[in-house]
Amino acid sequence: MIRTIEIGRTFHVEAHEPHVLEQDLNYAVDTARQHAVQSGLHGILVTRHGYTNFTVAVSTEVPYGETHERHGPALSVWNPPATEQSSS
């Protein structure tokens, strides 16, 4: 499941099936990358909150044209409001 945190810029991805997780992460990264390319200033940061929970965001911490991954706080500490979005 992909939840939009900030339209085109930040997404929360959660899935328990590996193939669904990969598909949803790819969709979120591709969508964020499209936004990053439009601005031409920032890269993509993928933060792992657990085995099944990730945040994908356009980030000022990442140079333009790059995608970085990091481990973040456990998701139980962070529960953003969001809207659901289909990756199909």
N, C-alpha and C. Protein backbone atom coordinates (compact mmCIF):
# COMPACT_ATOMS: atom_id res chain seq x y z
N MET A 1 0.85 -1.17 0.00
CA MET A 1 0.00 0.00 0.00
C MET A 1 0.90 1.24 0.00
N ILE A 2 0.52 2.19 -0.81
CA ILE A 2 1.24 3.46 -0.86
C ILE A 2 0.30 4.54 -0.33
N ARG A 3 0.79 5.30 0.65
CA ARG A 3 0.03 6.44 1.15
C ARG A 3 0.81 7.70 0.81
N THR A 4 0.11 8.66 0.27
CA THR A 4 0.74 9.93 -0.08
C THR A 4 0.79 10.82 1.15
N ILE A 5 1.97 11.30 1.48
CA ILE A 5 2.15 12.21 2.60
C ILE A 5 2.13 13.65 2.07
N GLU A 6 2.88 13.88 1.00
CA GLU A 6 2.90 15.17 0.31
C GLU A 6 2.88 14.86 -1.18
N ILE A 7 1.87 15.34 -1.87
CA ILE A 7 1.64 14.98 -3.27
C ILE A 7 2.89 15.15 -4.12
N GLY A 8 3.30 14.05 -4.76
CA GLY A 8 4.44 14.04 -5.66
C GLY A 8 5.80 14.05 -4.99
N ARG A 9 5.84 14.28 -3.67
CA ARG A 9 7.13 14.46 -2.99
C ARG A 9 7.42 13.41 -1.92
N THR A 10 6.42 12.98 -1.17
CA THR A 10 6.67 12.09 -0.03
C THR A 10 5.60 11.01 0.04
N PHE A 11 6.06 9.76 0.18
CA PHE A 11 5.15 8.61 0.20
C PHE A 11 5.55 7.65 1.33
N HIS A 12 4.55 7.00 1.89
CA HIS A 12 4.79 5.92 2.84
C HIS A 12 4.41 4.63 2.12
N VAL A 13 5.30 3.65 2.14
CA VAL A 13 5.07 2.37 1.48
C VAL A 13 5.09 1.28 2.54
N GLU A 14 4.04 0.45 2.53
CA GLU A 14 3.96 -0.68 3.46
C GLU A 14 3.43 -1.88 2.70
N ALA A 15 4.12 -3.00 2.80
CA ALA A 15 3.68 -4.24 2.16
C ALA A 15 4.33 -5.42 2.87
N HIS A 16 3.62 -6.54 2.89
CA HIS A 16 4.13 -7.74 3.55
C HIS A 16 4.56 -8.81 2.56
N GLU A 17 4.25 -8.62 1.30
CA GLU A 17 4.68 -9.54 0.24
C GLU A 17 5.85 -8.89 -0.49
N PRO A 18 6.98 -9.60 -0.62
CA PRO A 18 8.17 -9.00 -1.25
C PRO A 18 7.92 -8.41 -2.63
N HIS A 19 7.18 -9.10 -3.49
CA HIS A 19 6.95 -8.57 -4.84
C HIS A 19 6.09 -7.31 -4.82
N VAL A 20 5.14 -7.23 -3.89
CA VAL A 20 4.30 -6.03 -3.76
C VAL A 20 5.13 -4.88 -3.21
N LEU A 21 5.98 -5.17 -2.23
CA LEU A 21 6.85 -4.14 -1.66
C LEU A 21 7.76 -3.56 -2.74
N GLU A 22 8.37 -4.43 -3.53
CA GLU A 22 9.26 -3.96 -4.60
C GLU A 22 8.50 -3.11 -5.61
N GLN A 23 7.33 -3.56 -6.02
CA GLN A 23 6.52 -2.83 -6.99
C GLN A 23 6.12 -1.46 -6.44
N ASP A 24 5.65 -1.41 -5.21
CA ASP A 24 5.22 -0.15 -4.62
C ASP A 24 6.38 0.80 -4.37
N LEU A 25 7.52 0.27 -3.92
CA LEU A 25 8.71 1.12 -3.75
C LEU A 25 9.16 1.72 -5.08
N ASN A 26 9.19 0.89 -6.12
CA ASN A 26 9.57 1.39 -7.44
C ASN A 26 8.63 2.48 -7.91
N TYR A 27 7.34 2.29 -7.71
CA TYR A 27 6.35 3.30 -8.11
C TYR A 27 6.58 4.61 -7.34
N ALA A 28 6.77 4.51 -6.03
CA ALA A 28 6.98 5.71 -5.20
C ALA A 28 8.26 6.43 -5.60
N VAL A 29 9.34 5.68 -5.82
CA VAL A 29 10.61 6.30 -6.22
C VAL A 29 10.48 6.95 -7.59
N ASP A 30 9.83 6.28 -8.53
CA ASP A 30 9.65 6.86 -9.86
C ASP A 30 8.82 8.14 -9.81
N THR A 31 7.77 8.14 -9.01
CA THR A 31 6.92 9.32 -8.88
C THR A 31 7.68 10.47 -8.23
N ALA A 32 8.42 10.18 -7.16
CA ALA A 32 9.22 11.22 -6.50
C ALA A 32 10.31 11.73 -7.44
N ARG A 33 10.91 10.83 -8.21
CA ARG A 33 11.97 11.23 -9.14
C ARG A 33 11.42 12.20 -10.20
N GLN A 34 10.21 11.96 -10.68
CA GLN A 34 9.60 12.87 -11.66
C GLN A 34 9.49 14.27 -11.07
N HIS A 35 9.08 14.37 -9.81
CA HIS A 35 8.97 15.67 -9.15
C HIS A 35 10.36 16.30 -8.97
N ALA A 36 11.33 15.49 -8.58
CA ALA A 36 12.69 15.99 -8.36
C ALA A 36 13.30 16.52 -9.66
N VAL A 37 13.03 15.84 -10.75
CA VAL A 37 13.56 16.27 -12.05
C VAL A 37 12.97 17.62 -12.44
N GLN A 38 11.70 17.82 -12.14
CA GLN A 38 11.06 19.10 -12.46
C GLN A 38 11.72 20.26 -11.72
N SER A 39 12.08 20.04 -10.46
CA SER A 39 12.71 21.12 -9.68
C SER A 39 14.20 21.24 -10.02
N GLY A 40 14.82 20.11 -10.35
CA GLY A 40 16.24 20.10 -10.71
C GLY A 40 17.19 20.43 -9.56
N LEU A 41 16.72 20.27 -8.32
CA LEU A 41 17.53 20.66 -7.17
C LEU A 41 17.82 19.54 -6.17
N HIS A 42 16.94 18.55 -6.08
CA HIS A 42 17.04 17.57 -5.01
C HIS A 42 17.04 16.14 -5.53
N GLY A 43 17.47 15.23 -4.66
CA GLY A 43 17.46 13.82 -4.97
C GLY A 43 16.37 13.10 -4.19
N ILE A 44 16.45 11.78 -4.16
CA ILE A 44 15.44 10.94 -3.51
C ILE A 44 16.06 10.26 -2.29
N LEU A 45 15.34 10.28 -1.18
CA LEU A 45 15.77 9.59 0.04
C LEU A 45 14.74 8.52 0.38
N VAL A 46 15.21 7.27 0.46
CA VAL A 46 14.38 6.14 0.85
C VAL A 46 14.78 5.77 2.27
N THR A 47 13.82 5.87 3.20
CA THR A 47 14.10 5.57 4.61
C THR A 47 13.36 4.30 5.01
N ARG A 48 14.12 3.35 5.53
CA ARG A 48 13.54 2.07 5.99
C ARG A 48 13.18 2.20 7.46
N HIS A 49 11.90 2.00 7.77
CA HIS A 49 11.43 2.06 9.16
C HIS A 49 11.28 0.67 9.76
N GLY A 50 11.37 -0.34 8.94
CA GLY A 50 11.23 -1.73 9.35
C GLY A 50 11.28 -2.58 8.10
N TYR A 51 11.07 -3.88 8.25
CA TYR A 51 11.16 -4.77 7.10
C TYR A 51 10.08 -4.51 6.06
N THR A 52 8.95 -3.96 6.49
CA THR A 52 7.82 -3.78 5.59
C THR A 52 7.38 -2.33 5.43
N ASN A 53 8.10 -1.38 6.04
CA ASN A 53 7.68 0.02 6.04
C ASN A 53 8.80 0.94 5.59
N PHE A 54 8.50 1.78 4.60
CA PHE A 54 9.48 2.71 4.05
C PHE A 54 8.84 4.08 3.82
N THR A 55 9.67 5.10 3.83
CA THR A 55 9.26 6.42 3.38
C THR A 55 10.14 6.76 2.17
N VAL A 56 9.52 7.27 1.12
CA VAL A 56 10.23 7.72 -0.07
C VAL A 56 9.95 9.21 -0.20
N ALA A 57 11.02 10.03 -0.31
CA ALA A 57 10.82 11.47 -0.33
C ALA A 57 11.84 12.18 -1.21
N VAL A 58 11.39 13.26 -1.83
CA VAL A 58 12.31 14.21 -2.47
C VAL A 58 12.98 14.91 -1.30
N SER A 59 14.32 14.98 -1.29
CA SER A 59 15.03 15.47 -0.11
C SER A 59 16.14 16.46 -0.46
N THR A 60 16.22 17.52 0.34
CA THR A 60 17.31 18.48 0.20
C THR A 60 18.63 17.87 0.68
N GLU A 61 18.57 16.75 1.41
CA GLU A 61 19.77 16.08 1.91
C GLU A 61 20.49 15.26 0.83
N VAL A 62 19.82 15.05 -0.29
CA VAL A 62 20.37 14.19 -1.34
C VAL A 62 20.64 15.04 -2.59
N PRO A 63 21.84 14.94 -3.15
CA PRO A 63 22.14 15.71 -4.36
C PRO A 63 21.22 15.34 -5.52
N TYR A 64 20.98 16.29 -6.38
CA TYR A 64 20.15 16.09 -7.56
C TYR A 64 20.69 14.91 -8.38
N GLY A 65 19.77 14.06 -8.83
CA GLY A 65 20.14 12.93 -9.67
C GLY A 65 20.53 11.68 -8.91
N GLU A 66 20.54 11.75 -7.57
CA GLU A 66 20.93 10.58 -6.77
C GLU A 66 19.76 10.08 -5.93
N THR A 67 19.83 8.80 -5.56
CA THR A 67 18.88 8.19 -4.64
C THR A 67 19.68 7.56 -3.51
N HIS A 68 19.38 7.93 -2.27
CA HIS A 68 20.08 7.39 -1.10
C HIS A 68 19.09 6.61 -0.25
N GLU A 69 19.61 5.64 0.49
CA GLU A 69 18.81 4.84 1.40
C GLU A 69 19.39 4.97 2.81
N ARG A 70 18.51 5.01 3.81
CA ARG A 70 18.96 5.04 5.20
C ARG A 70 17.96 4.30 6.07
N HIS A 71 18.40 3.97 7.27
CA HIS A 71 17.53 3.36 8.27
C HIS A 71 17.02 4.47 9.18
N GLY A 72 15.73 4.47 9.42
CA GLY A 72 15.13 5.52 10.24
C GLY A 72 14.51 4.95 11.49
N PRO A 73 13.77 5.79 12.20
CA PRO A 73 13.11 5.34 13.43
C PRO A 73 12.02 4.32 13.12
N ALA A 74 11.72 3.49 14.10
CA ALA A 74 10.65 2.50 13.95
C ALA A 74 9.35 3.22 13.62
N LEU A 75 8.55 2.61 12.77
CA LEU A 75 7.32 3.24 12.32
C LEU A 75 6.33 3.48 13.44
N SER A 76 6.38 2.71 14.50
CA SER A 76 5.43 2.89 15.60
C SER A 76 5.55 4.29 16.21
N VAL A 77 6.69 4.95 16.01
CA VAL A 77 6.89 6.30 16.52
C VAL A 77 6.29 7.33 15.57
N TRP A 78 6.14 6.97 14.30
CA TRP A 78 5.74 7.91 13.26
C TRP A 78 4.52 7.36 12.54
N ASN A 79 3.39 8.03 12.62
CA ASN A 79 2.16 7.57 11.98
C ASN A 79 1.50 8.73 11.27
N PRO A 80 1.91 9.03 10.03
CA PRO A 80 1.40 10.20 9.33
C PRO A 80 -0.01 10.02 8.79
N PRO A 81 -0.78 11.10 8.73
CA PRO A 81 -2.06 11.01 8.03
C PRO A 81 -1.77 10.92 6.53
N ALA A 82 -2.60 10.19 5.80
CA ALA A 82 -2.30 10.02 4.39
C ALA A 82 -3.52 9.61 3.61
N THR A 83 -3.37 9.65 2.31
CA THR A 83 -4.41 9.16 1.42
C THR A 83 -3.85 7.96 0.69
N GLU A 84 -4.69 6.97 0.43
CA GLU A 84 -4.24 5.77 -0.26
C GLU A 84 -4.10 6.04 -1.74
N GLN A 85 -3.18 5.32 -2.37
CA GLN A 85 -2.92 5.50 -3.79
C GLN A 85 -2.58 4.14 -4.38
N SER A 86 -3.17 3.82 -5.49
CA SER A 86 -2.89 2.54 -6.14
C SER A 86 -1.70 2.65 -7.04
N SER A 87 -0.90 1.62 -7.09
CA SER A 87 0.27 1.62 -7.96
C SER A 87 -0.02 1.02 -9.32
N SER A 88 -1.27 0.64 -9.57
CA SER A 88 -1.59 0.05 -10.87
C SER A 88 -2.05 1.10 -11.84
